[in-house]
PDB file of N, CA and C in Angstrom:
ATOM      1  N   MET A   1     -85.375  -4.972  55.001  1.00  0.00           N
ATOM      2  CA  MET A   1     -84.219  -5.695  54.517  1.00  0.00           C
ATOM      3  C   MET A   1     -82.957  -4.987  55.009  1.00  0.00           C
ATOM      4  N   LYS A   2     -82.079  -5.721  55.615  1.00  0.00           N
ATOM      5  CA  LYS A   2     -80.828  -5.167  56.113  1.00  0.00           C
ATOM      6  C   LYS A   2     -79.818  -5.095  54.977  1.00  0.00           C
ATOM      7  N   LYS A   3     -79.215  -3.935  54.839  1.00  0.00           N
ATOM      8  CA  LYS A   3     -78.223  -3.743  53.791  1.00  0.00           C
ATOM      9  C   LYS A   3     -76.837  -3.807  54.400  1.00  0.00           C
ATOM     10  N   GLY A   4     -75.971  -4.594  53.783  1.00  0.00           N
ATOM     11  CA  GLY A   4     -74.617  -4.744  54.288  1.00  0.00           C
ATOM     12  C   GLY A   4     -73.714  -3.636  53.789  1.00  0.00           C
ATOM     13  N   LYS A   5     -72.606  -3.481  54.437  1.00  0.00           N
ATOM     14  CA  LYS A   5     -71.620  -2.487  54.036  1.00  0.00           C
ATOM     15  C   LYS A   5     -70.711  -3.076  52.974  1.00  0.00           C
ATOM     16  N   ILE A   6     -70.495  -2.317  51.940  1.00  0.00           N
ATOM     17  CA  ILE A   6     -69.526  -2.694  50.919  1.00  0.00           C
ATOM     18  C   ILE A   6     -68.439  -1.632  50.945  1.00  0.00           C
ATOM     19  N   PHE A   7     -67.229  -2.052  51.197  1.00  0.00           N
ATOM     20  CA  PHE A   7     -66.139  -1.102  51.330  1.00  0.00           C
ATOM     21  C   PHE A   7     -65.497  -0.839  49.979  1.00  0.00           C
ATOM     22  N   VAL A   8     -65.569   0.401  49.549  1.00  0.00           N
ATOM     23  CA  VAL A   8     -65.001   0.837  48.285  1.00  0.00           C
ATOM     24  C   VAL A   8     -64.117   2.037  48.580  1.00  0.00           C
ATOM     25  N   ASN A   9     -62.961   2.059  47.970  1.00  0.00           N
ATOM     26  CA  ASN A   9     -62.095   3.225  48.108  1.00  0.00           C
ATOM     27  C   ASN A   9     -62.676   4.318  47.212  1.00  0.00           C
ATOM     28  N   VAL A  10     -63.499   5.184  47.800  1.00  0.00           N
ATOM     29  CA  VAL A  10     -64.231   6.177  47.012  1.00  0.00           C
ATOM     30  C   VAL A  10     -63.327   7.258  46.438  1.00  0.00           C
ATOM     31  N   ASP A  11     -62.135   7.407  46.953  1.00  0.00           N
ATOM     32  CA  ASP A  11     -61.218   8.445  46.476  1.00  0.00           C
ATOM     33  C   ASP A  11     -60.294   7.968  45.366  1.00  0.00           C
ATOM     34  N   ASP A  12     -60.431   6.713  44.925  1.00  0.00           N
ATOM     35  CA  ASP A  12     -59.500   6.197  43.923  1.00  0.00           C
ATOM     36  C   ASP A  12     -59.690   6.814  42.540  1.00  0.00           C
ATOM     37  N   VAL A  13     -60.844   7.412  42.244  1.00  0.00           N
ATOM     38  CA  VAL A  13     -61.059   8.042  40.944  1.00  0.00           C
ATOM     39  C   VAL A  13     -61.014   9.567  41.006  1.00  0.00           C
ATOM     40  N   VAL A  14     -60.926  10.129  42.213  1.00  0.00           N
ATOM     41  CA  VAL A  14     -60.852  11.587  42.351  1.00  0.00           C
ATOM     42  C   VAL A  14     -59.536  12.063  41.744  1.00  0.00           C
ATOM     43  N   GLY A  15     -59.628  13.048  40.863  1.00  0.00           N
ATOM     44  CA  GLY A  15     -58.457  13.564  40.157  1.00  0.00           C
ATOM     45  C   GLY A  15     -58.247  12.922  38.799  1.00  0.00           C
ATOM     46  N   LYS A  16     -58.976  11.861  38.489  1.00  0.00           N
ATOM     47  CA  LYS A  16     -58.832  11.162  37.218  1.00  0.00           C
ATOM     48  C   LYS A  16     -59.490  11.969  36.106  1.00  0.00           C
ATOM     49  N   SER A  17     -58.840  12.027  34.935  1.00  0.00           N
ATOM     50  CA  SER A  17     -59.398  12.713  33.775  1.00  0.00           C
ATOM     51  C   SER A  17     -59.816  11.697  32.733  1.00  0.00           C
ATOM     52  N   LEU A  18     -60.997  11.919  32.151  1.00  0.00           N
ATOM     53  CA  LEU A  18     -61.535  11.052  31.109  1.00  0.00           C
ATOM     54  C   LEU A  18     -62.027  11.926  29.972  1.00  0.00           C
ATOM     55  N   GLY A  19     -61.331  11.945  28.873  1.00  0.00           N
ATOM     56  CA  GLY A  19     -61.750  12.810  27.775  1.00  0.00           C
ATOM     57  C   GLY A  19     -61.725  14.260  28.218  1.00  0.00           C
ATOM     58  N   LYS A  20     -62.905  14.907  28.185  1.00  0.00           N
ATOM     59  CA  LYS A  20     -62.997  16.319  28.548  1.00  0.00           C
ATOM     60  C   LYS A  20     -63.348  16.544  30.013  1.00  0.00           C
ATOM     61  N   ILE A  21     -63.663  15.491  30.769  1.00  0.00           N
ATOM     62  CA  ILE A  21     -64.071  15.701  32.161  1.00  0.00           C
ATOM     63  C   ILE A  21     -62.982  15.279  33.139  1.00  0.00           C
ATOM     64  N   LYS A  22     -63.046  15.880  34.317  1.00  0.00           N
ATOM     65  CA  LYS A  22     -62.146  15.533  35.409  1.00  0.00           C
ATOM     66  C   LYS A  22     -62.979  15.326  36.660  1.00  0.00           C
ATOM     67  N   VAL A  23     -62.710  14.242  37.390  1.00  0.00           N
ATOM     68  CA  VAL A  23     -63.425  13.949  38.631  1.00  0.00           C
ATOM     69  C   VAL A  23     -62.864  14.855  39.715  1.00  0.00           C
ATOM     70  N   VAL A  24     -63.754  15.659  40.317  1.00  0.00           N
ATOM     71  CA  VAL A  24     -63.332  16.665  41.285  1.00  0.00           C
ATOM     72  C   VAL A  24     -63.448  16.143  42.715  1.00  0.00           C
ATOM     73  N   SER A  25     -64.594  15.527  43.049  1.00  0.00           N
ATOM     74  CA  SER A  25     -64.792  15.082  44.426  1.00  0.00           C
ATOM     75  C   SER A  25     -65.877  14.007  44.491  1.00  0.00           C
ATOM     76  N   TYR A  26     -65.926  13.343  45.637  1.00  0.00           N
ATOM     77  CA  TYR A  26     -66.942  12.334  45.911  1.00  0.00           C
ATOM     78  C   TYR A  26     -68.201  13.028  46.391  1.00  0.00           C
ATOM     79  N   GLU A  27     -69.340  12.723  45.785  1.00  0.00           N
ATOM     80  CA  GLU A  27     -70.612  13.351  46.140  1.00  0.00           C
ATOM     81  C   GLU A  27     -71.339  12.581  47.236  1.00  0.00           C
ATOM     82  N   GLY A  28     -71.301  11.247  47.173  1.00  0.00           N
ATOM     83  CA  GLY A  28     -72.001  10.432  48.162  1.00  0.00           C
ATOM     84  C   GLY A  28     -72.533   9.162  47.522  1.00  0.00           C
ATOM     85  N   SER A  29     -73.320   8.422  48.290  1.00  0.00           N
ATOM     86  CA  SER A  29     -73.873   7.176  47.774  1.00  0.00           C
ATOM     87  C   SER A  29     -75.333   7.050  48.183  1.00  0.00           C
ATOM     88  N   LYS A  30     -76.050   6.218  47.448  1.00  0.00           N
ATOM     89  CA  LYS A  30     -77.427   5.922  47.824  1.00  0.00           C
ATOM     90  C   LYS A  30     -77.815   4.590  47.200  1.00  0.00           C
ATOM     91  N   TYR A  31     -78.839   3.973  47.788  1.00  0.00           N
ATOM     92  CA  TYR A  31     -79.356   2.720  47.257  1.00  0.00           C
ATOM     93  C   TYR A  31     -80.361   3.020  46.163  1.00  0.00           C
ATOM     94  N   ILE A  32     -80.210   2.343  45.030  1.00  0.00           N
ATOM     95  CA  ILE A  32     -81.124   2.489  43.901  1.00  0.00           C
ATOM     96  C   ILE A  32     -81.772   1.145  43.655  1.00  0.00           C
ATOM     97  N   HIS A  33     -83.092   1.150  43.498  1.00  0.00           N
ATOM     98  CA  HIS A  33     -83.822  -0.096  43.272  1.00  0.00           C
ATOM     99  C   HIS A  33     -83.670  -0.531  41.816  1.00  0.00           C
ATOM    100  N   THR A  34     -83.238  -1.773  41.618  1.00  0.00           N
ATOM    101  CA  THR A  34     -83.115  -2.360  40.290  1.00  0.00           C
ATOM    102  C   THR A  34     -83.901  -3.661  40.269  1.00  0.00           C
ATOM    103  N   LYS A  35     -83.986  -4.286  39.089  1.00  0.00           N
ATOM    104  CA  LYS A  35     -84.687  -5.569  38.982  1.00  0.00           C
ATOM    105  C   LYS A  35     -84.044  -6.634  39.858  1.00  0.00           C
ATOM    106  N   GLY A  36     -82.742  -6.530  40.066  1.00  0.00           N
ATOM    107  CA  GLY A  36     -82.019  -7.500  40.883  1.00  0.00           C
ATOM    108  C   GLY A  36     -82.030  -7.178  42.369  1.00  0.00           C
ATOM    109  N   GLY A  37     -82.723  -6.114  42.747  1.00  0.00           N
ATOM    110  CA  GLY A  37     -82.763  -5.698  44.147  1.00  0.00           C
ATOM    111  C   GLY A  37     -82.116  -4.341  44.318  1.00  0.00           C
ATOM    112  N   ASP A  38     -82.000  -3.913  45.549  1.00  0.00           N
ATOM    113  CA  ASP A  38     -81.390  -2.616  45.834  1.00  0.00           C
ATOM    114  C   ASP A  38     -79.884  -2.708  45.681  1.00  0.00           C
ATOM    115  N   ARG A  39     -79.316  -1.715  44.992  1.00  0.00           N
ATOM    116  CA  ARG A  39     -77.871  -1.672  44.753  1.00  0.00           C
ATOM    117  C   ARG A  39     -77.321  -0.344  45.256  1.00  0.00           C
ATOM    118  N   LEU A  40     -76.191  -0.409  45.923  1.00  0.00           N
ATOM    119  CA  LEU A  40     -75.518   0.797  46.398  1.00  0.00           C
ATOM    120  C   LEU A  40     -74.747   1.415  45.244  1.00  0.00           C
ATOM    121  N   ARG A  41     -75.020   2.678  44.960  1.00  0.00           N
ATOM    122  CA  ARG A  41     -74.346   3.399  43.880  1.00  0.00           C
ATOM    123  C   ARG A  41     -73.600   4.590  44.456  1.00  0.00           C
ATOM    124  N   HIS A  42     -72.406   4.820  43.935  1.00  0.00           N
ATOM    125  CA  HIS A  42     -71.573   5.938  44.362  1.00  0.00           C
ATOM    126  C   HIS A  42     -71.579   7.008  43.270  1.00  0.00           C
ATOM    127  N   PHE A  43     -71.576   8.284  43.684  1.00  0.00           N
ATOM    128  CA  PHE A  43     -71.643   9.392  42.751  1.00  0.00           C
ATOM    129  C   PHE A  43     -70.501  10.372  42.982  1.00  0.00           C
ATOM    130  N   TYR A  44     -70.050  10.997  41.880  1.00  0.00           N
ATOM    131  CA  TYR A  44     -68.913  11.915  41.920  1.00  0.00           C
ATOM    132  C   TYR A  44     -69.252  13.225  41.214  1.00  0.00           C
ATOM    133  N   ASN A  45     -68.665  14.316  41.693  1.00  0.00           N
ATOM    134  CA  ASN A  45     -68.757  15.613  41.017  1.00  0.00           C
ATOM    135  C   ASN A  45     -67.667  15.653  39.957  1.00  0.00           C
ATOM    136  N   VAL A  46     -68.054  16.020  38.738  1.00  0.00           N
ATOM    137  CA  VAL A  46     -67.086  16.145  37.649  1.00  0.00           C
ATOM    138  C   VAL A  46     -67.213  17.531  37.039  1.00  0.00           C
ATOM    139  N   ILE A  47     -66.134  17.989  36.415  1.00  0.00           N
ATOM    140  CA  ILE A  47     -66.145  19.273  35.711  1.00  0.00           C
ATOM    141  C   ILE A  47     -65.615  19.034  34.303  1.00  0.00           C
ATOM    142  N   CYS A  48     -66.282  19.651  33.342  1.00  0.00           N
ATOM    143  CA  CYS A  48     -65.908  19.515  31.938  1.00  0.00           C
ATOM    144  C   CYS A  48     -64.964  20.660  31.556  1.00  0.00           C
ATOM    145  N   GLU A  49     -64.224  20.484  30.467  1.00  0.00           N
ATOM    146  CA  GLU A  49     -63.330  21.536  29.981  1.00  0.00           C
ATOM    147  C   GLU A  49     -64.085  22.825  29.661  1.00  0.00           C
ATOM    148  N   CYS A  50     -65.372  22.701  29.287  1.00  0.00           N
ATOM    149  CA  CYS A  50     -66.165  23.891  28.936  1.00  0.00           C
ATOM    150  C   CYS A  50     -66.645  24.628  30.184  1.00  0.00           C
ATOM    151  N   GLY A  51     -66.462  24.035  31.378  1.00  0.00           N
ATOM    152  CA  GLY A  51     -66.838  24.685  32.623  1.00  0.00           C
ATOM    153  C   GLY A  51     -68.092  24.128  33.277  1.00  0.00           C
ATOM    154  N   ASN A  52     -68.854  23.293  32.580  1.00  0.00           N
ATOM    155  CA  ASN A  52     -70.056  22.694  33.161  1.00  0.00           C
ATOM    156  C   ASN A  52     -69.687  21.674  34.225  1.00  0.00           C
ATOM    157  N   THR A  53     -70.483  21.619  35.277  1.00  0.00           N
ATOM    158  CA  THR A  53     -70.295  20.605  36.313  1.00  0.00           C
ATOM    159  C   THR A  53     -71.472  19.648  36.280  1.00  0.00           C
ATOM    160  N   ASN A  54     -71.243  18.428  36.752  1.00  0.00           N
ATOM    161  CA  ASN A  54     -72.280  17.418  36.738  1.00  0.00           C
ATOM    162  C   ASN A  54     -71.977  16.384  37.813  1.00  0.00           C
ATOM    163  N   ILE A  55     -72.964  15.565  38.134  1.00  0.00           N
ATOM    164  CA  ILE A  55     -72.793  14.445  39.057  1.00  0.00           C
ATOM    165  C   ILE A  55     -72.920  13.168  38.241  1.00  0.00           C
ATOM    166  N   VAL A  56     -71.905  12.304  38.342  1.00  0.00           N
ATOM    167  CA  VAL A  56     -71.843  11.100  37.532  1.00  0.00           C
ATOM    168  C   VAL A  56     -71.680   9.880  38.439  1.00  0.00           C
ATOM    169  N   GLN A  57     -72.316   8.793  38.048  1.00  0.00           N
ATOM    170  CA  GLN A  57     -72.221   7.535  38.788  1.00  0.00           C
ATOM    171  C   GLN A  57     -70.834   6.916  38.598  1.00  0.00           C
ATOM    172  N   ARG A  58     -70.376   6.146  39.582  1.00  0.00           N
ATOM    173  CA  ARG A  58     -69.040   5.548  39.568  1.00  0.00           C
ATOM    174  C   ARG A  58     -68.824   4.594  38.395  1.00  0.00           C
ATOM    175  N   GLY A  59     -69.811   3.772  38.069  1.00  0.00           N
ATOM    176  CA  GLY A  59     -69.665   2.764  37.015  1.00  0.00           C
ATOM    177  C   GLY A  59     -69.241   3.338  35.672  1.00  0.00           C
ATOM    178  N   PRO A  60     -69.964   4.341  35.152  1.00  0.00           N
ATOM    179  CA  PRO A  60     -69.548   4.929  33.878  1.00  0.00           C
ATOM    180  C   PRO A  60     -68.163   5.571  33.919  1.00  0.00           C
ATOM    181  N   ILE A  61     -67.742   6.047  35.083  1.00  0.00           N
ATOM    182  CA  ILE A  61     -66.391   6.608  35.198  1.00  0.00           C
ATOM    183  C   ILE A  61     -65.356   5.486  35.078  1.00  0.00           C
ATOM    184  N   LEU A  62     -65.554   4.408  35.822  1.00  0.00           N
ATOM    185  CA  LEU A  62     -64.582   3.310  35.800  1.00  0.00           C
ATOM    186  C   LEU A  62     -64.525   2.602  34.450  1.00  0.00           C
ATOM    187  N   ASN A  63     -65.651   2.560  33.739  1.00  0.00           N
ATOM    188  CA  ASN A  63     -65.710   1.868  32.448  1.00  0.00           C
ATOM    189  C   ASN A  63     -65.475   2.791  31.259  1.00  0.00           C
ATOM    190  N   ASN A  64     -65.028   4.018  31.527  1.00  0.00           N
ATOM    191  CA  ASN A  64     -64.708   5.004  30.483  1.00  0.00           C
ATOM    192  C   ASN A  64     -65.876   5.240  29.528  1.00  0.00           C
ATOM    193  N   ILE A  65     -67.090   5.307  30.066  1.00  0.00           N
ATOM    194  CA  ILE A  65     -68.279   5.554  29.251  1.00  0.00           C
ATOM    195  C   ILE A  65     -68.540   7.051  29.120  1.00  0.00           C
ATOM    196  N   VAL A  66     -68.320   7.803  30.186  1.00  0.00           N
ATOM    197  CA  VAL A  66     -68.571   9.246  30.189  1.00  0.00           C
ATOM    198  C   VAL A  66     -67.281   9.964  29.815  1.00  0.00           C
ATOM    199  N   HIS A  67     -67.350  10.826  28.780  1.00  0.00           N
ATOM    200  CA  HIS A  67     -66.159  11.561  28.341  1.00  0.00           C
ATOM    201  C   HIS A  67     -66.356  13.065  28.331  1.00  0.00           C
ATOM    202  N   SER A  68     -67.615  13.529  28.387  1.00  0.00           N
ATOM    203  CA  SER A  68     -67.884  14.964  28.403  1.00  0.00           C
ATOM    204  C   SER A  68     -69.276  15.202  28.975  1.00  0.00           C
ATOM    205  N   CYS A  69     -69.627  16.484  29.083  1.00  0.00           N
ATOM    206  CA  CYS A  69     -70.959  16.844  29.574  1.00  0.00           C
ATOM    207  C   CYS A  69     -71.973  16.858  28.443  1.00  0.00           C
ATOM    208  N   GLY A  70     -71.523  16.633  27.220  1.00  0.00           N
ATOM    209  CA  GLY A  70     -72.388  16.713  26.050  1.00  0.00           C
ATOM    210  C   GLY A  70     -72.139  17.983  25.255  1.00  0.00           C
ATOM    211  N   CYS A  71     -71.126  18.745  25.651  1.00  0.00           N
ATOM    212  CA  CYS A  71     -70.854  20.027  24.987  1.00  0.00           C
ATOM    213  C   CYS A  71     -70.468  19.835  23.518  1.00  0.00           C
ATOM    214  N   GLY A  72     -69.781  18.770  23.188  1.00  0.00           N
ATOM    215  CA  GLY A  72     -69.413  18.514  21.795  1.00  0.00           C
ATOM    216  C   GLY A  72     -70.635  18.245  20.936  1.00  0.00           C
ATOM    217  N   ARG A  73     -71.588  17.520  21.462  1.00  0.00           N
ATOM    218  CA  ARG A  73     -72.826  17.214  20.747  1.00  0.00           C
ATOM    219  C   ARG A  73     -73.663  18.489  20.560  1.00  0.00           C
ATOM    220  N   ARG A  74     -73.716  19.329  21.609  1.00  0.00           N
ATOM    221  CA  ARG A  74     -74.460  20.588  21.504  1.00  0.00           C
ATOM    222  C   ARG A  74     -73.819  21.508  20.472  1.00  0.00           C
ATOM    223  N   ALA A  75     -72.496  21.522  20.401  1.00  0.00           N
ATOM    224  CA  ALA A  75     -71.801  22.370  19.438  1.00  0.00           C
ATOM    225  C   ALA A  75     -72.059  21.881  18.015  1.00  0.00           C
ATOM    226  N   LYS A  76     -72.129  20.564  17.840  1.00  0.00           N
ATOM    227  CA  LYS A  76     -72.317  19.988  16.507  1.00  0.00           C
ATOM    228  C   LYS A  76     -73.756  20.133  16.019  1.00  0.00           C
ATOM    229  N   TYR A  77     -74.722  19.821  16.887  1.00  0.00           N
ATOM    230  CA  TYR A  77     -76.124  19.791  16.467  1.00  0.00           C
ATOM    231  C   TYR A  77     -76.955  20.958  16.988  1.00  0.00           C
ATOM    232  N   GLY A  78     -76.392  21.766  17.858  1.00  0.00           N
ATOM    233  CA  GLY A  78     -77.143  22.868  18.453  1.00  0.00           C
ATOM    234  C   GLY A  78     -77.971  22.354  19.618  1.00  0.00           C
ATOM    235  N   ASN A  79     -78.584  23.258  20.349  1.00  0.00           N
ATOM    236  CA  ASN A  79     -79.405  22.883  21.497  1.00  0.00           C
ATOM    237  C   ASN A  79     -80.802  22.519  21.006  1.00  0.00           C
ATOM    238  N   THR A  80     -81.131  21.235  20.996  1.00  0.00           N
ATOM    239  CA  THR A  80     -82.420  20.760  20.479  1.00  0.00           C
ATOM    240  C   THR A  80     -83.548  20.957  21.462  1.00  0.00           C
ATOM    241  N   ASN A  81     -83.269  21.416  22.690  1.00  0.00           N
ATOM    242  CA  ASN A  81     -84.313  21.621  23.687  1.00  0.00           C
ATOM    243  C   ASN A  81     -84.963  22.990  23.567  1.00  0.00           C
ATOM    244  N   GLU A  82     -84.413  23.855  22.741  1.00  0.00           N
ATOM    245  CA  GLU A  82     -84.987  25.193  22.589  1.00  0.00           C
ATOM    246  C   GLU A  82     -86.224  25.125  21.724  1.00  0.00           C
ATOM    247  N   GLU A  83     -87.186  26.013  22.005  1.00  0.00           N
ATOM    248  CA  GLU A  83     -88.411  26.041  21.200  1.00  0.00           C
ATOM    249  C   GLU A  83     -88.391  27.184  20.225  1.00  0.00           C
TER     250      GLU A  83
END
Protein backbone atom coordinates (compact mmCIF):
# COMPACT_ATOMS: atom_id res chain seq x y z
CA MET A 1 0.00 0.00 0.00
CA LYS A 2 1.41 3.37 -1.00
CA LYS A 3 1.34 5.96 1.74
CA GLY A 4 0.88 9.58 0.79
CA LYS A 5 2.67 12.53 2.29
CA ILE A 6 0.79 14.65 4.76
CA PHE A 7 2.41 18.00 5.34
CA VAL A 8 2.33 19.11 8.95
CA ASN A 9 4.27 21.96 10.46
CA VAL A 10 6.04 19.77 13.02
CA ASP A 11 7.68 22.74 14.75
CA ASP A 12 4.43 24.52 15.61
CA VAL A 13 4.24 22.95 19.10
CA VAL A 14 7.97 23.06 19.94
CA GLY A 15 8.42 25.43 22.88
CA LYS A 16 4.77 25.13 23.95
CA SER A 17 4.10 24.55 27.67
CA LEU A 18 1.18 22.48 28.92
CA GLY A 19 0.75 22.25 32.66
CA LYS A 20 4.06 20.91 33.99
CA ILE A 21 5.55 19.83 30.65
CA LYS A 22 7.29 21.73 27.89
CA VAL A 23 7.76 20.46 24.32
CA VAL A 24 11.50 20.48 23.66
CA SER A 25 11.93 19.03 20.16
CA TYR A 26 10.45 16.93 17.37
CA GLU A 27 11.33 13.24 17.73
CA GLY A 28 10.03 11.90 14.41
CA SER A 29 7.08 10.10 12.89
CA LYS A 30 5.99 6.58 12.12
CA TYR A 31 2.98 4.73 10.77
CA ILE A 32 0.86 2.99 13.40
CA HIS A 33 -1.69 0.35 12.45
CA THR A 34 -5.23 1.14 13.64
CA LYS A 35 -8.65 -0.35 12.91
CA GLY A 36 -9.12 2.34 10.27
CA GLY A 37 -5.81 1.53 8.58
CA ASP A 38 -2.28 2.82 8.93
CA ARG A 39 -2.03 6.33 10.38
CA LEU A 40 0.99 8.61 10.42
CA ARG A 41 1.75 9.75 13.97
CA HIS A 42 4.19 12.46 15.02
CA PHE A 43 6.13 12.32 18.30
CA TYR A 44 7.81 15.00 20.42
CA ASN A 45 10.36 15.08 23.25
CA VAL A 46 8.94 16.76 26.35
CA ILE A 47 10.46 17.65 29.71
CA CYS A 48 8.54 17.91 32.97
CA GLU A 49 9.17 20.45 35.74
CA CYS A 50 10.46 17.57 37.91
CA GLY A 51 13.17 16.86 35.31
CA ASN A 52 11.76 13.68 33.72
CA THR A 53 11.80 13.46 29.94
CA ASN A 54 9.36 11.55 27.78
CA ILE A 55 8.20 11.08 24.19
CA VAL A 56 4.60 12.12 23.57
CA GLN A 57 2.35 11.81 20.53
CA ARG A 58 1.22 15.03 18.78
CA GLY A 59 -2.53 14.49 19.32
CA PRO A 60 -2.50 14.58 23.13
CA ILE A 61 -0.30 17.69 23.01
CA LEU A 62 -2.65 19.57 20.67
CA ASN A 63 -5.75 18.50 22.62
CA ASN A 64 -4.24 19.44 26.01
CA ILE A 65 -4.56 15.87 27.32
CA VAL A 66 -0.99 15.49 28.62
CA HIS A 67 -0.06 17.86 31.47
CA SER A 68 2.74 16.06 33.32
CA CYS A 69 4.89 12.94 33.39
CA GLY A 70 2.76 11.54 36.22
CA CYS A 71 4.94 13.00 38.97
CA GLY A 72 1.92 14.50 40.77
CA ARG A 73 0.18 11.13 40.88
CA ARG A 74 3.36 9.41 42.14
CA ALA A 75 3.73 12.05 44.87
CA LYS A 76 0.10 11.60 45.95
CA TYR A 77 -0.18 7.80 45.85
CA GLY A 78 3.46 6.70 45.93
CA ASN A 79 5.13 4.42 43.41
CA THR A 80 2.74 1.46 43.04
CA ASN A 81 5.21 -0.48 40.86
CA GLU A 82 7.53 -1.22 43.77
CA GLU A 83 7.37 -4.66 45.37
